[in-house]
Protein backbone atom coordinates (compact mmCIF):
# COMPACT_ATOMS: atom_id res chain seq x y z
CA MET A 1 -22.97 -34.00 -117.18
CA ALA A 2 -25.33 -31.59 -115.45
CA ILE A 3 -28.66 -32.87 -114.14
CA SER A 4 -31.61 -31.26 -115.92
CA PHE A 5 -33.94 -28.95 -114.04
CA PRO A 6 -37.00 -31.24 -114.41
CA VAL A 7 -35.02 -34.11 -112.87
CA ARG A 8 -33.87 -31.92 -109.97
CA VAL A 9 -37.46 -30.74 -109.38
CA GLY A 10 -38.70 -34.32 -109.47
CA ARG A 11 -36.14 -35.51 -106.97
CA ARG A 12 -36.98 -32.63 -104.65
CA LEU A 13 -40.72 -33.34 -104.84
CA SER A 14 -40.19 -37.02 -104.18
CA GLU A 15 -38.01 -36.21 -101.17
CA LEU A 16 -40.55 -33.76 -99.73
CA ARG A 17 -43.43 -36.17 -100.29
CA GLU A 18 -41.61 -39.05 -98.64
CA LYS A 19 -40.58 -36.91 -95.64
CA ARG A 20 -44.26 -36.24 -95.06
CA GLY A 21 -45.11 -39.93 -95.30
CA LEU A 22 -47.34 -39.44 -98.35
CA SER A 23 -47.82 -41.82 -101.25
CA GLN A 24 -47.90 -40.49 -104.78
CA THR A 25 -51.64 -41.15 -104.85
CA GLN A 26 -52.20 -39.15 -101.67
CA LEU A 27 -50.18 -36.15 -102.84
CA ALA A 28 -51.73 -36.25 -106.30
CA ASP A 29 -55.20 -36.25 -104.77
CA MET A 30 -54.30 -33.35 -102.49
CA ALA A 31 -52.84 -31.37 -105.42
CA GLU A 32 -55.78 -32.35 -107.66
CA ILE A 33 -53.57 -33.86 -110.36
CA GLY A 34 -53.32 -37.39 -111.69
CA ARG A 35 -51.06 -39.86 -109.93
CA ALA A 36 -49.43 -40.86 -113.22
CA HIS A 37 -48.68 -37.19 -113.95
CA LEU A 38 -47.08 -36.76 -110.52
CA SER A 39 -45.01 -39.87 -111.17
CA GLN A 40 -43.80 -38.43 -114.49
CA ILE A 41 -42.88 -35.16 -112.75
CA GLU A 42 -41.01 -36.96 -109.96
CA ASN A 43 -39.12 -39.04 -112.52
CA GLY A 44 -38.17 -35.95 -114.52
CA ALA A 45 -39.96 -37.33 -117.58
CA VAL A 46 -42.02 -34.15 -117.96
CA ALA A 47 -41.47 -30.55 -116.91
CA ALA A 48 -44.33 -29.46 -114.68
CA ARG A 49 -46.29 -26.34 -115.53
CA ILE A 50 -46.08 -23.51 -113.03
CA ASP A 51 -49.72 -23.92 -111.97
CA THR A 52 -49.08 -27.61 -111.28
CA LEU A 53 -46.06 -26.74 -109.17
CA TYR A 54 -48.17 -24.24 -107.20
CA SER A 55 -50.79 -26.94 -106.57
CA ILE A 56 -48.18 -29.40 -105.35
CA ALA A 57 -46.55 -26.77 -103.12
CA ALA A 58 -49.92 -25.87 -101.60
CA ALA A 59 -50.68 -29.54 -100.98
CA LEU A 60 -47.32 -29.83 -99.16
CA GLU A 61 -48.14 -26.63 -97.22
CA LEU A 62 -45.13 -24.86 -98.70
CA THR A 63 -44.63 -21.77 -100.80
CA LEU A 64 -43.33 -22.41 -104.29
CA SER A 65 -40.00 -20.81 -103.35
CA GLU A 66 -39.69 -23.07 -100.27
CA MET A 67 -40.44 -26.12 -102.38
CA LEU A 68 -37.86 -25.23 -105.04
CA LYS A 69 -35.20 -23.87 -102.64
CA GLY A 70 -31.70 -24.91 -103.60
CA LEU A 71 -32.47 -26.06 -107.11
């Protein structure tokens, strides 16, 4: 069975966050979103809106295309 896009996005975000040594709380604060919302995104429970993805990418100092590369 194919992995859904929200799950793939969540796994990618979690990987990028962990590589930078950031907690969910730290990244959520940097992206100006709630920690619980970031957790839901990382777990693939919700599909993030495009503006939320832009905020997370900016917080990680990436472009949106860099953040989503390979998905």
